[in-house]
Each structure stands twice: as structure tokens, then as C-alpha cells.
Protein backbone atom coordinates (compact mmCIF):
# COMPACT_ATOMS: atom_id res chain seq x y z
CA UNK A 1 -0.36 -0.19 -0.12
CA UNK A 2 1.74 3.36 -1.07
CA UNK A 3 1.99 5.75 1.34
CA UNK A 4 -0.26 8.94 0.73
CA UNK A 5 1.65 12.11 0.35
CA UNK A 6 0.58 15.79 1.52
CA UNK A 7 -1.60 18.02 -1.51
CA UNK A 8 0.08 21.05 -1.73
CA UNK A 9 -1.56 23.78 -0.18
CA UNK A 10 -0.81 25.60 -3.15
CA UNK A 11 -3.04 23.79 -5.52
CA UNK A 12 -5.62 24.12 -2.75
CA UNK A 13 -5.45 27.38 -2.87
CA UNK A 14 -6.41 27.73 -6.48
CA UNK A 15 -8.77 25.06 -6.50
CA UNK A 16 -10.51 26.50 -3.81
CA UNK A 17 -11.98 29.22 -6.01
CA UNK A 18 -13.75 26.90 -8.27
CA UNK A 19 -15.29 24.94 -6.14
CA UNK A 20 -16.88 24.64 -2.27
CA UNK A 21 -15.47 21.05 -1.01
CA UNK A 22 -11.62 20.53 -0.32
CA UNK A 23 -11.68 17.65 -2.38
CA UNK A 24 -10.36 18.25 -5.45
CA UNK A 25 -11.64 17.60 -8.83
CA UNK A 26 -8.31 16.40 -9.91
CA UNK A 27 -8.12 13.44 -8.12
CA UNK A 28 -8.63 10.70 -9.88
CA UNK A 29 -10.31 7.82 -8.29
CA UNK A 30 -9.66 4.36 -9.35
CA UNK A 31 -11.51 1.67 -11.13
CA UNK A 32 -14.38 4.08 -12.06
CA UNK A 33 -15.95 4.08 -15.27
CA UNK A 34 -13.99 5.70 -18.36
CA UNK A 35 -17.45 6.97 -19.32
CA UNK A 36 -20.21 9.17 -18.20
CA UNK A 37 -22.72 7.66 -16.33
CA UNK A 38 -25.54 6.31 -17.87
CA UNK A 39 -26.97 4.30 -15.37
CA UNK A 40 -27.26 6.23 -12.07
CA UNK A 41 -27.61 9.83 -12.72
CA UNK A 42 -27.37 11.72 -9.50
CA UNK A 43 -28.74 15.19 -9.71
CA UNK A 44 -27.91 18.44 -7.54
CA UNK A 45 -30.66 19.90 -5.73
CA UNK A 46 -30.89 23.94 -4.40
CA UNK A 47 -28.25 22.93 -1.53
CA UNK A 48 -25.95 21.39 -3.61
CA UNK A 49 -22.84 22.78 -3.88
CA UNK A 50 -20.54 20.23 -5.98
CA UNK A 51 -19.34 20.92 -9.30
CA UNK A 52 -20.42 18.84 -12.23
CA UNK A 53 -17.55 16.96 -12.60
CA UNK A 54 -17.76 16.22 -8.91
CA UNK A 55 -20.93 15.29 -9.38
CA UNK A 56 -19.80 13.04 -12.55
CA UNK A 57 -17.28 11.34 -10.38
CA UNK A 58 -20.08 10.42 -7.87
CA UNK A 59 -22.54 8.98 -10.69
CA UNK A 60 -19.32 6.74 -12.44
CA UNK A 61 -18.77 5.45 -8.62
CA UNK A 62 -22.10 4.40 -8.06
CA UNK A 63 -22.10 2.86 -11.78
CA UNK A 64 -19.15 1.04 -11.20
CA UNK A 65 -20.24 -0.60 -8.15
CA UNK A 66 -23.17 -1.65 -9.52
CA UNK A 67 -21.46 -3.21 -12.57
CA UNK A 68 -20.85 -6.46 -9.63
CA UNK A 69 -24.41 -5.89 -8.15
CA UNK A 70 -26.73 -5.45 -11.05
CA UNK A 71 -29.96 -6.72 -8.82
CA UNK A 72 -28.55 -5.41 -5.34
CA UNK A 73 -28.29 -7.76 -2.10
CA UNK A 74 -31.78 -8.66 -1.92
CA UNK A 75 -32.62 -6.13 0.78
CA UNK A 76 -30.22 -7.36 3.42
CA UNK A 77 -29.33 -5.07 6.47
CA UNK A 78 -26.06 -3.32 6.94
CA UNK A 79 -25.64 -3.05 9.77
CA UNK A 80 -23.96 0.29 11.60
CA UNK A 81 -22.81 0.48 15.34
CA UNK A 82 -21.47 3.17 17.46
CA UNK A 83 -22.08 5.76 19.38
CA UNK A 84 -25.21 7.58 18.69
CA UNK A 85 -24.61 11.26 19.17
CA UNK A 86 -20.75 10.92 17.87
CA UNK A 87 -22.19 10.89 14.04
CA UNK A 88 -25.54 9.48 13.10
CA UNK A 89 -28.67 10.91 14.09
CA UNK A 90 -31.05 8.01 14.33
CA UNK A 91 -34.54 9.94 12.85
CA UNK A 92 -35.64 8.04 10.14
CA UNK A 93 -37.44 10.11 8.05
CA UNK A 94 -36.96 13.90 7.26
CA UNK A 95 -37.21 15.65 9.89
CA UNK A 96 -36.39 19.36 8.54
CA UNK A 97 -33.43 19.45 10.59
CA UNK A 98 -30.58 19.50 8.07
CA UNK A 99 -27.85 17.45 9.06
CA UNK A 100 -30.18 15.01 10.16
CA UNK A 101 -31.82 15.30 7.10
CA UNK A 102 -28.80 14.58 4.86
CA UNK A 103 -27.54 11.34 6.93
CA UNK A 104 -31.35 10.20 6.11
CA UNK A 105 -30.99 11.44 2.93
CA UNK A 106 -27.54 9.15 2.12
CA UNK A 107 -28.75 6.63 3.73
CA UNK A 108 -32.16 6.22 1.33
CA UNK A 109 -29.57 6.47 -1.97
CA UNK A 110 -27.43 3.96 -1.21
CA UNK A 111 -30.10 1.75 -0.11
CA UNK A 112 -32.19 2.41 -3.34
CA UNK A 113 -28.88 2.15 -5.15
CA UNK A 114 -28.04 -1.37 -3.78
CA UNK A 115 -31.24 -2.56 -2.23
CA UNK A 116 -29.92 -2.96 1.38
CA UNK A 117 -31.52 -1.67 4.41
CA UNK A 118 -29.03 0.58 6.58
CA UNK A 119 -29.41 -0.24 10.18
CA UNK A 120 -27.60 1.74 12.95
CA UNK A 121 -27.24 0.32 15.92
CA UNK A 122 -26.90 2.86 18.60
CA UNK A 123 -24.68 2.69 22.09
CA UNK A 124 -24.55 4.77 25.27
CA UNK A 125 -20.66 4.52 25.53
CA UNK A 126 -17.32 3.71 23.19
CA UNK A 127 -16.22 0.75 25.20
CA UNK A 128 -20.37 -0.86 25.07
CA UNK A 129 -19.53 -0.47 20.81
CA UNK A 130 -16.22 -2.30 21.15
CA UNK A 131 -17.76 -4.67 23.67
CA UNK A 132 -20.53 -5.82 22.10
CA UNK A 133 -18.96 -6.24 18.15
CA UNK A 134 -15.90 -8.54 20.12
CA UNK A 135 -19.08 -10.38 22.34
CA UNK A 136 -21.27 -10.73 18.63
CA UNK A 137 -18.23 -11.94 16.58
CA UNK A 138 -17.07 -14.53 19.18
CA UNK A 139 -20.24 -15.75 19.06
CA UNK A 140 -19.93 -16.40 15.81
CA UNK A 141 -23.19 -13.80 14.88
CA UNK A 142 -20.99 -11.03 12.63
CA UNK A 143 -23.82 -8.84 12.87
CA UNK A 144 -21.92 -5.61 12.74
CA UNK A 145 -20.40 -4.34 9.31
CA UNK A 146 -18.92 -1.58 10.45
CA UNK A 147 -18.24 0.33 13.22
CA UNK A 148 -17.55 3.82 14.46
CA UNK A 149 -16.10 6.02 17.00
CA UNK A 150 -13.06 6.79 18.99
CA UNK A 151 -9.76 5.23 17.99
CA UNK A 152 -8.72 4.67 21.60
CA UNK A 153 -12.37 3.56 22.95
CA UNK A 154 -13.31 1.64 20.14
CA UNK A 155 -10.54 1.23 17.76
CA UNK A 156 -7.45 0.30 19.94
CA UNK A 157 -9.70 -2.56 21.39
CA UNK A 158 -11.05 -3.55 18.14
CA UNK A 159 -7.49 -4.03 17.03
CA UNK A 160 -5.92 -6.00 19.75
CA UNK A 161 -8.00 -8.01 19.74
CA UNK A 162 -7.84 -8.74 16.40
CA UNK A 163 -11.27 -8.33 15.54
CA UNK A 164 -10.75 -5.72 12.40
CA UNK A 165 -10.45 -6.55 8.90
CA UNK A 166 -7.65 -4.52 7.48
CA UNK A 167 -8.68 -2.33 4.56
CA UNK A 168 -6.52 -3.97 1.94
CA UNK A 169 -8.80 -7.06 2.67
CA UNK A 170 -11.83 -5.48 1.24
CA UNK A 171 -12.22 -4.75 -2.18
CA UNK A 172 -13.72 -2.27 -4.20
CA UNK A 173 -12.93 0.88 -0.92
CA UNK A 174 -10.67 2.87 -3.49
CA UNK A 175 -8.80 5.16 -0.15
CA UNK A 176 -7.76 7.66 -3.05
CA UNK A 177 -11.33 8.67 -3.62
CA UNK A 178 -11.67 11.93 -2.43
CA UNK A 179 -14.50 11.34 0.16
CA UNK A 180 -11.89 9.29 2.57
CA UNK A 181 -9.02 11.32 4.41
CA UNK A 182 -6.21 11.46 2.12
CA UNK A 183 -3.39 11.20 4.92
CA UNK A 184 -5.00 8.45 7.02
CA UNK A 185 -2.01 6.32 5.22
CA UNK A 186 0.57 8.61 6.10
CA UNK A 187 -0.25 8.91 9.47
CA UNK A 188 -2.17 5.58 10.70
CA UNK A 189 -1.09 3.00 8.57
CA UNK A 190 1.29 0.15 10.02
CA UNK A 191 3.85 -0.66 7.71
CA UNK A 192 2.17 -1.75 4.45
CA UNK A 193 -1.39 -2.38 7.00
CA UNK A 194 -4.40 0.28 6.99
CA UNK A 195 -7.07 -0.46 9.42
CA UNK A 196 -8.85 2.30 9.73
CA UNK A 197 -11.14 4.92 7.70
CA UNK A 198 -12.16 8.86 8.37
CA UNK A 199 -13.95 10.94 5.65
CA UNK A 200 -16.97 12.13 5.01
CA UNK A 201 -18.73 9.13 5.74
CA UNK A 202 -18.56 10.54 9.40
CA UNK A 203 -20.53 13.67 10.13
CA UNK A 204 -18.09 14.64 13.11
CA UNK A 205 -15.30 14.12 10.35
CA UNK A 206 -16.55 18.28 9.84
CA UNK A 207 -16.64 18.46 13.49
CA UNK A 208 -13.46 17.30 14.88
CA UNK A 209 -10.57 19.58 12.84
CA UNK A 210 -8.12 22.19 15.15
CA UNK A 211 -8.06 25.73 13.53
CA UNK A 212 -7.41 29.82 15.02
CA UNK A 213 -10.23 31.92 15.27
CA UNK A 214 -9.89 35.57 15.11
CA UNK A 215 -12.19 38.90 16.34
CA UNK A 216 -12.33 41.42 13.96
CA UNK A 217 -12.96 43.97 16.56
CA UNK A 218 -9.99 43.28 18.67
CA UNK A 219 -8.28 43.50 15.57
CA UNK A 220 -9.76 46.83 14.70
CA UNK A 221 -10.13 48.25 17.88
CA UNK A 222 -5.83 47.90 18.59
CA UNK A 223 -4.99 48.77 14.89
CA UNK A 224 -4.05 44.87 14.13
CA UNK A 225 -3.91 46.32 10.16
CA UNK A 226 -2.83 42.90 8.84
CA UNK A 227 -4.84 41.05 5.84
CA UNK A 228 -4.71 37.32 7.42
CA UNK A 229 -6.33 36.01 4.97
CA UNK A 230 -3.92 36.77 2.46
CA UNK A 231 -0.51 36.36 4.84
CA UNK A 232 -2.41 32.40 5.55
CA UNK A 233 -2.62 32.31 1.14
CA UNK A 234 1.16 33.61 0.72
CA UNK A 235 2.59 30.83 3.05
CA UNK A 236 3.88 33.33 5.79
CA UNK A 237 0.85 32.50 8.80
CA UNK A 238 3.37 31.45 11.08
CA UNK A 239 3.29 31.55 15.10
CA UNK A 240 5.90 34.28 15.38
CA UNK A 241 3.50 36.31 13.30
CA UNK A 242 0.55 35.29 15.38
CA UNK A 243 2.36 36.67 18.40
CA UNK A 244 3.68 39.84 16.54
CA UNK A 245 0.24 40.37 16.19
CA UNK A 246 -1.00 39.46 19.25
CA UNK A 247 1.47 41.93 21.15
CA UNK A 248 -0.32 45.17 20.52
CA UNK A 249 -2.88 43.60 22.79
CA UNK A 250 -1.52 44.05 26.31
CA UNK A 251 -3.24 41.74 28.02
CA UNK A 252 -5.89 41.96 31.78
CA UNK A 253 -9.20 41.81 30.48
CA UNK A 254 -8.90 41.71 26.79
CA UNK A 255 -6.72 38.33 25.76
CA UNK A 256 -4.59 38.13 23.23
CA UNK A 257 -5.59 33.89 23.28
CA UNK A 258 -8.55 32.23 24.60
CA UNK A 259 -8.19 28.02 24.64
CA UNK A 260 -12.23 26.84 25.20
CA UNK A 261 -10.59 22.92 24.07
CA UNK A 262 -7.73 22.30 27.05
CA UNK A 263 -7.04 18.62 25.75
CA UNK A 264 -5.86 19.49 21.99
CA UNK A 265 -4.63 22.96 21.60
CA UNK A 266 -0.62 22.51 22.52
CA UNK A 267 -1.18 19.14 20.79
CA UNK A 268 -2.37 21.43 17.25
CA UNK A 269 0.21 23.81 17.63
CA UNK A 270 3.27 21.11 17.88
CA UNK A 271 1.35 19.34 14.68
CA UNK A 272 1.10 22.49 13.17
CA UNK A 273 4.70 23.26 13.21
CA UNK A 274 5.23 19.60 11.15
CA UNK A 275 6.49 17.77 14.75
CA UNK A 276 4.46 14.92 15.51
CA UNK A 277 4.69 12.00 18.64
CA UNK A 278 4.62 9.43 16.46
CA UNK A 279 7.43 8.94 13.96
CA UNK A 280 7.84 6.25 10.64
CA UNK A 281 10.82 4.38 9.10
CA UNK A 282 11.89 4.08 5.64
CA UNK A 283 9.42 1.02 5.89
CA UNK A 284 6.35 2.89 7.44
CA UNK A 285 7.09 1.04 10.80
CA UNK A 286 6.03 3.19 13.67
CA UNK A 287 8.37 4.11 16.46
CA UNK A 288 8.78 6.58 19.36
CA UNK A 289 12.23 8.55 19.55
CA UNK A 290 14.22 8.09 22.94
CA UNK A 291 14.64 11.69 23.65
CA UNK A 292 12.65 14.72 23.24
CA UNK A 293 13.50 16.43 19.27
CA UNK A 294 14.84 19.94 20.17
CA UNK A 295 12.56 21.69 17.97
CA UNK A 296 9.51 19.83 20.20
CA UNK A 297 11.87 21.47 23.26
CA UNK A 298 12.16 24.88 21.67
CA UNK A 299 8.59 25.20 20.46
CA UNK A 300 7.23 24.33 23.81
CA UNK A 301 9.42 26.93 25.43
CA UNK A 302 8.50 29.75 22.77
CA UNK A 303 4.50 28.95 22.71
CA UNK A 304 4.14 28.38 26.29
CA UNK A 305 5.80 31.75 27.29
CA UNK A 306 3.02 33.42 25.41
CA UNK A 307 -0.35 30.79 25.90
CA UNK A 308 1.03 29.61 29.47
CA UNK A 309 0.54 33.42 31.36
CA UNK A 310 -3.01 34.26 32.69
CA UNK A 311 -2.71 37.91 31.72
CA UNK A 312 -2.39 36.70 28.22
CA UNK A 313 -4.58 33.59 27.68
CA UNK A 314 -8.25 32.60 29.01
CA UNK A 315 -7.26 28.54 29.20
CA UNK A 316 -9.68 25.94 30.07
CA UNK A 317 -6.59 24.21 32.19
CA UNK A 318 -6.21 26.94 34.03
CA UNK A 319 -8.96 26.27 36.61
CA UNK A 320 -10.52 29.42 37.22
CA UNK A 321 -13.76 28.51 39.35
CA UNK A 322 -16.94 28.57 36.66
CA UNK A 323 -14.43 28.90 33.33
CA UNK A 324 -15.26 25.96 30.90
CA UNK A 325 -15.58 25.86 27.27
CA UNK A 326 -18.70 27.49 27.03
CA UNK A 327 -17.41 30.46 28.69
CA UNK A 328 -14.48 30.98 27.11
CA UNK A 329 -16.46 30.98 23.72
CA UNK A 330 -18.59 33.20 25.38
CA UNK A 331 -16.47 35.47 25.72
CA UNK A 332 -14.55 35.41 22.49
CA UNK A 333 -18.04 35.98 21.20
CA UNK A 334 -18.04 39.15 23.42
CA UNK A 335 -15.06 40.28 21.52
CA UNK A 336 -12.77 39.79 25.12
CA UNK A 337 -10.48 37.71 23.25
CA UNK A 338 -8.27 38.24 19.87
CA UNK A 339 -6.89 34.48 18.94
CA UNK A 340 -9.10 31.80 20.05
CA UNK A 341 -7.16 28.02 19.39
CA UNK A 342 -10.59 25.71 18.95
CA UNK A 343 -12.49 23.10 16.44
CA UNK A 344 -14.74 23.45 13.87
CA UNK A 345 -17.55 21.88 16.12
CA UNK A 346 -16.45 25.49 18.23
CA UNK A 347 -17.08 27.27 15.20
CA UNK A 348 -20.70 26.08 14.77
CA UNK A 349 -21.72 26.72 18.51
CA UNK A 350 -20.42 30.12 18.23
CA UNK A 351 -22.51 30.15 15.50
CA UNK A 352 -25.34 30.35 17.85
CA UNK A 353 -24.27 33.58 19.60
CA UNK A 354 -24.55 37.20 18.85
CA UNK A 355 -21.16 37.23 17.71
CA UNK A 356 -19.62 39.87 15.92
CA UNK A 357 -17.23 39.36 12.57
CA UNK A 358 -14.35 36.95 13.24
CA UNK A 359 -12.41 35.17 10.94
CA UNK A 360 -11.18 31.36 10.47
CA UNK A 361 -7.53 30.33 10.14
CA UNK A 362 -5.58 27.43 9.80
CA UNK A 363 -3.29 26.59 13.04
CA UNK A 364 -0.16 28.63 12.11
CA UNK A 365 2.99 27.28 10.88
CA UNK A 366 6.42 26.72 12.93
CA UNK A 367 8.22 29.06 10.48
CA UNK A 368 7.75 30.35 6.65
CA UNK A 369 9.98 27.87 5.08
CA UNK A 370 7.42 24.81 6.29
CA UNK A 371 5.84 23.83 3.04
CA UNK A 372 2.46 23.17 4.21
CA UNK A 373 -0.01 24.23 7.26
CA UNK A 374 -1.32 21.27 9.04
CA UNK A 375 -4.19 20.94 11.13
CA UNK A 376 -4.25 18.20 13.40
CA UNK A 377 -7.60 16.30 13.69
CA UNK A 378 -8.55 14.85 17.37
CA UNK A 379 -10.06 10.98 16.99
CA UNK A 380 -12.92 12.12 20.21
CA UNK A 381 -16.29 11.96 18.26
CA UNK A 382 -17.11 9.39 15.06
CA UNK A 383 -13.31 9.20 15.33
CA UNK A 384 -12.89 6.21 12.30
CA UNK A 385 -14.54 3.53 10.91
CA UNK A 386 -13.57 0.16 11.32
CA UNK A 387 -14.25 -3.01 9.58
CA UNK A 388 -15.39 -5.97 11.20
CA UNK A 389 -13.43 -9.40 10.95
CA UNK A 390 -15.26 -12.70 9.62
CA UNK A 391 -17.94 -10.69 7.97
CA UNK A 392 -19.89 -13.44 5.59
CA UNK A 393 -19.66 -11.21 1.91
CA UNK A 394 -16.69 -8.72 1.96
CA UNK A 395 -17.82 -7.56 -1.32
CA UNK A 396 -20.82 -6.28 -0.63
CA UNK A 397 -19.15 -4.92 2.54
CA UNK A 398 -16.77 -2.91 0.56
CA UNK A 399 -19.82 -2.09 -2.44
CA UNK A 400 -21.68 -0.31 0.36
CA UNK A 401 -19.10 0.91 2.45
CA UNK A 402 -17.96 2.97 -0.98
CA UNK A 403 -21.23 4.04 -1.59
CA UNK A 404 -21.74 5.43 0.87
CA UNK A 405 -18.84 7.61 1.17
CA UNK A 406 -19.54 8.54 -2.31
CA UNK A 407 -23.27 9.26 -1.65
CA UNK A 408 -21.97 10.99 1.70
CA UNK A 409 -19.84 13.59 -0.41
CA UNK A 410 -23.28 14.25 -2.09
CA UNK A 411 -25.48 14.58 0.99
CA UNK A 412 -22.87 15.32 3.90
CA UNK A 413 -20.72 16.91 2.73
CA UNK A 414 -22.55 20.00 1.76
CA UNK A 415 -24.64 20.15 5.09
CA UNK A 416 -22.42 19.73 7.40
CA UNK A 417 -19.15 21.71 5.61
CA UNK A 418 -20.96 24.46 3.50
CA UNK A 419 -24.50 25.05 4.88
CA UNK A 420 -23.30 24.47 8.61
CA UNK A 421 -19.63 26.33 8.55
CA UNK A 422 -19.69 28.58 5.78
CA UNK A 423 -22.70 29.60 4.32
CA UNK A 424 -24.73 30.74 7.80
CA UNK A 425 -22.61 33.71 8.00
CA UNK A 426 -22.06 36.60 5.64
CA UNK A 427 -19.77 38.45 7.78
CA UNK A 428 -16.77 35.84 7.41
CA UNK A 429 -17.32 34.79 3.71
CA UNK A 430 -13.45 35.09 3.22
CA UNK A 431 -12.61 32.40 5.60
CA UNK A 432 -14.53 29.46 2.82
CA UNK A 433 -10.53 29.24 1.76
CA UNK A 434 -9.59 29.05 5.36
CA UNK A 435 -11.51 25.74 5.48
CA UNK A 436 -10.98 24.89 2.50
CA UNK A 437 -7.29 24.48 3.67
CA UNK A 438 -8.39 23.41 7.12
CA UNK A 439 -9.98 20.14 5.56
CA UNK A 440 -7.63 19.44 3.00
CA UNK A 441 -4.55 19.18 5.67
CA UNK A 442 -5.82 17.35 8.08
CA UNK A 443 -4.02 15.08 10.49
CA UNK A 444 -3.93 12.50 13.12
CA UNK A 445 -1.39 10.63 15.30
CA UNK A 446 -1.22 6.07 15.52
CA UNK A 447 -0.64 6.75 19.39
CA UNK A 448 -4.71 7.27 19.39
CA UNK A 449 -3.55 3.36 19.14
CA UNK A 450 -1.21 2.54 21.40
CA UNK A 451 -1.19 5.57 23.68
CA UNK A 452 -3.43 4.06 26.35
CA UNK A 453 -6.10 6.14 26.20
CA UNK A 454 -9.72 6.10 28.10
CA UNK A 455 -13.08 6.55 27.76
CA UNK A 456 -13.12 7.83 31.59
CA UNK A 457 -9.74 9.92 31.05
CA UNK A 458 -9.26 10.67 27.31
CA UNK A 459 -5.86 10.31 25.24
CA UNK A 460 -3.18 8.65 27.14
CA UNK A 461 -0.06 10.44 29.37
CA UNK A 462 1.90 11.20 26.64
CA UNK A 463 -0.41 13.08 24.74
CA UNK A 464 -1.24 15.21 27.78
CA UNK A 465 2.36 15.88 28.58
CA UNK A 466 2.99 17.22 25.38
CA UNK A 467 -0.22 19.19 25.51
CA UNK A 468 0.25 20.96 28.51
CA UNK A 469 3.77 21.71 28.14
CA UNK A 470 3.17 23.48 24.29
CA UNK A 471 0.56 25.21 25.68
CA UNK A 472 1.28 26.06 29.47
CA UNK A 473 4.44 24.91 31.15
CA UNK A 474 7.79 23.12 30.13
CA UNK A 475 8.55 22.24 33.70
CA UNK A 476 10.60 18.66 33.55
CA UNK A 477 9.42 18.23 29.68
CA UNK A 478 12.39 16.72 28.91
CA UNK A 479 13.21 14.08 31.83
CA UNK A 480 9.79 13.33 31.97
CA UNK A 481 9.62 12.63 28.02
CA UNK A 482 12.52 9.89 28.04
CA UNK A 483 11.06 8.10 31.10
CA UNK A 484 7.86 7.67 29.65
CA UNK A 485 9.08 7.13 26.15
CA UNK A 486 10.80 4.34 27.29
CA UNK A 487 7.23 2.63 28.66
CA UNK A 488 5.52 3.86 25.16
CA UNK A 489 7.99 1.96 22.90
CA UNK A 490 7.03 -1.51 24.51
CA UNK A 491 3.63 -0.13 23.70
CA UNK A 492 4.75 0.22 20.32
CA UNK A 493 6.08 -3.21 20.01
CA UNK A 494 2.55 -4.80 21.33
CA UNK A 495 0.69 -2.69 18.50
CA UNK A 496 3.25 -4.04 16.08
CA UNK A 497 3.04 -7.78 17.16
CA UNK A 498 -0.83 -7.61 17.10
CA UNK A 499 -0.73 -6.13 13.44
CA UNK A 500 1.83 -8.78 12.40
CA UNK A 501 -0.89 -11.21 13.53
CA UNK A 502 -3.61 -10.04 11.19
CA UNK A 503 -0.80 -11.46 8.72
CA UNK A 504 -1.28 -14.92 9.77
CA UNK A 505 -4.88 -15.05 10.91
């Protein structure tokens, strides 16, 4: 399985003006019909923002998938299992809620095209999802075709118990299709094996990416004249540039920075600077560096000197009474924070508040010499999807999974991406290009799989240590990392043995 390479941001910017979605028209999928569709005719409606070429790509994909199943699958149930609140509304009719209706329309399109019944099994918690799949498989029932959920609460238990199929085991799934996140191979493959997928099939895909929001009113009040959109497009949006602009705000009641999502801002800046937790060798075998790199240490020292100061930053981690995510977003809405490190979900929440004009920017680079912007994406919410083992008809599962991805590109992307994040606010229309960059540069870290995160405590201890060090304070970071790396590398070795065992099943 070839490792994917990041798309160039300049290319993304060029294409962004010609279509609203972040998946480029020039991304060619394998195994599609070479002629225009004659059987399937996906139609645009008044809310579809896809280009004609993108509609054609969907048509061709569905026609290709239908070739091996011209009569469909006799109404068989296709069983999806996960936490309801993560991604999939349970309403099985049109309700008038745009997000729920988008999922319903996607499901209906797949059912009509392939004569299946999509059944969503909703669980209360991620660990319950994993346990339900394992119990079902152990009993030989193999009810569930796809599972979805957080990597460390759903993916890790299923992976460690050998309850998954690798993506390469399932025909018809084309990870180069624009509805799949292209960086999954680069950041989540173990050697040549990929166990998870993410993309438009999960509505939470459009909620978890990190970004920087800025208050246009505070910028005006303090004489900050920078055109941040032009700076981003020129490739010069860096941490130093952000700090330079923020230095015009003296601090105190009006903060330079805000961090409503205390669990990820430091990690987002670490990844945005081109760093990561997991490294890969030439054969794409993951490992941890034994000692903390000087680049990460320097980054943490520089960033925490700004964001770790209460007079400059309103941070949920400061443990100030009655100050949490909701309150910090309200402070941003009230023009008391210049730059807020948030997620796409946070943007949606701000849409419900009475907010003056604000802009959306990608996480800044570590330096102008860095090639691309990088948007760390948490695996909270829906996270990823997993194809379960021992499914009786892998061709059917591959076909329906790819079809769900294609129809998600048609229905879910315009609703969750364009309508919710773009079109509802006329005051930040310029942010559209920024969202195109953010969604086209999302990355994860394989640490989610081996780092021993949990439902109760969140991500694992090394993740938390680095997040705190970059954003708050570097006390004991070098020695703490070295000690933790020894223990964690053993977890990596265990993960590699599990991955190898998949070959010998």
C-alpha cells in the first residue's frame, strides 16, 4: 500500500475558488467507469454546492459499484454500530433538521441503489460499542459490518483483539476517492496495513479539525491591520506572525489568546509546526524517539511563554472557577479574546451566539519555510470507521462502504461543511478558503492506537504531557518525555506484534 503524500496547499488554494468542497476535481479515483454515467444520475438540488465534475465522479463510482451487483443485495441489513451522539442521528425520516436529513438522504440513496437496509445500532458509550462487536463475533454471529467511534475507546480494543479486517482485505474501497481522508495512510498505516478509515461518511469528520479564530473587532480596536487571509495564502502565517499581531493587545481584561478546548491546543500547535508524536522508518514502521527533539523543546518554550500566562490567555486548563469551554467561547463572542484556538465544532457553537465578525484561520506553521499548513484532528466524536472481521460477504461490505462514502460526499459534505460552517454567516465569507485549507490538511497520530487512552480519562499520558508542555509550561519536559518514552515504546512493540498477527490469521 503506497503511502500518500500531502497535497500542496497552493494547489488547494487554486482549486478552492472553483468549488466549495476541499476534495479537488483533479483527484482521480481508481476503478471508475471511463465514460459518463448512463445508469445512475445523481441530481443536484438547491443545497448542493458540488461541481459538475464532482457529480460526474459520484455517478461513475456508483455505476462501477453496480456492475458486480446489478440487482443489489436482496434487501439485506447492513449494520452500522457506534455511539449515537458521535455521528449518526437516529431519525428515520425527514425532520427538517438539515444535518439529520442529510444522513437520512444518504442512507436512502444507498438503499435504493443497492437494495439494502442500513441499520444504525446506537450505543451509549464507546467501550460498549467495542464490547458489543467482540461479543457478537465470539458468538459467531458476525452481525455488524462497520463500527465507528473514537480510536482509543473503540478502535484500539477491536484492533488488539484481532476483531478487524484491514482495508486492503476489502475490495471496492478506494482510499484515493475524494470522500476518504487522504492522510490516513501516511499517519495511520502500520507498514503496508491500514485498519481505519475516516472521511465524509462520518459527519463528525467536519467537527474535529483544529483551527484558529480571530476577532475582527479586537483587531480593529487595537490597530492590527494585518490581512490574515492574504498572509495565509502567501504561506507566511506562522506562530511568530500570530504572536507579533497579538503583542498589540496588552492583556488583562482583553486576552490575546483563548483555549476553550483544553485537551488539544498544544498538540495542534505541535503538529501545525510539522512535529508529531509517532515517527515512521523507511518501511513505515512506527517508533518513538528516545529523547525529546530540540525542535519540540524550543517550540514548547516559545509558545508556553505566551499562552501559559494568565494575563495573556484564557485557558480552560487554568482551573479558574466557572470558566470552561462554554464560558471561553462566550468571551470570544463578547470580543474579549483576539485569537481563539478551537475546533470546527466550536465554530458551529459560535454560530448560535451573537458574535461580531470573526475570521477562521488554519493552525499557524512553525516557520515560513515549512511547506504546508497542518491541521491536527482529534479522534473524539465519530473518529474513524472499522470493518469487522469474519464478515460473510466482503465484496458487499466494500461496495456499500464505498457507496456510503460517495453519497456522503453528495449529501453530508454540503450540509455539514458548506451550510453549517460557511454559508450561515455572511460576515466571514472570506474564511471559506481557509476552511478548504483546514479540511484538506487534516492529520491524526497513531499514538491514539497504542497510547492507552480511555473513555474515562481521554487520550494517553504522553499526549497530555506534550499538550500541557507546549501550551502551559515546560517544567520537567525533557526528563519526563525520556522516562515515558521507554514505557510507551513497549506499547508500540505490542501494537506491531498485533499488526503482524493479522497476516497469520
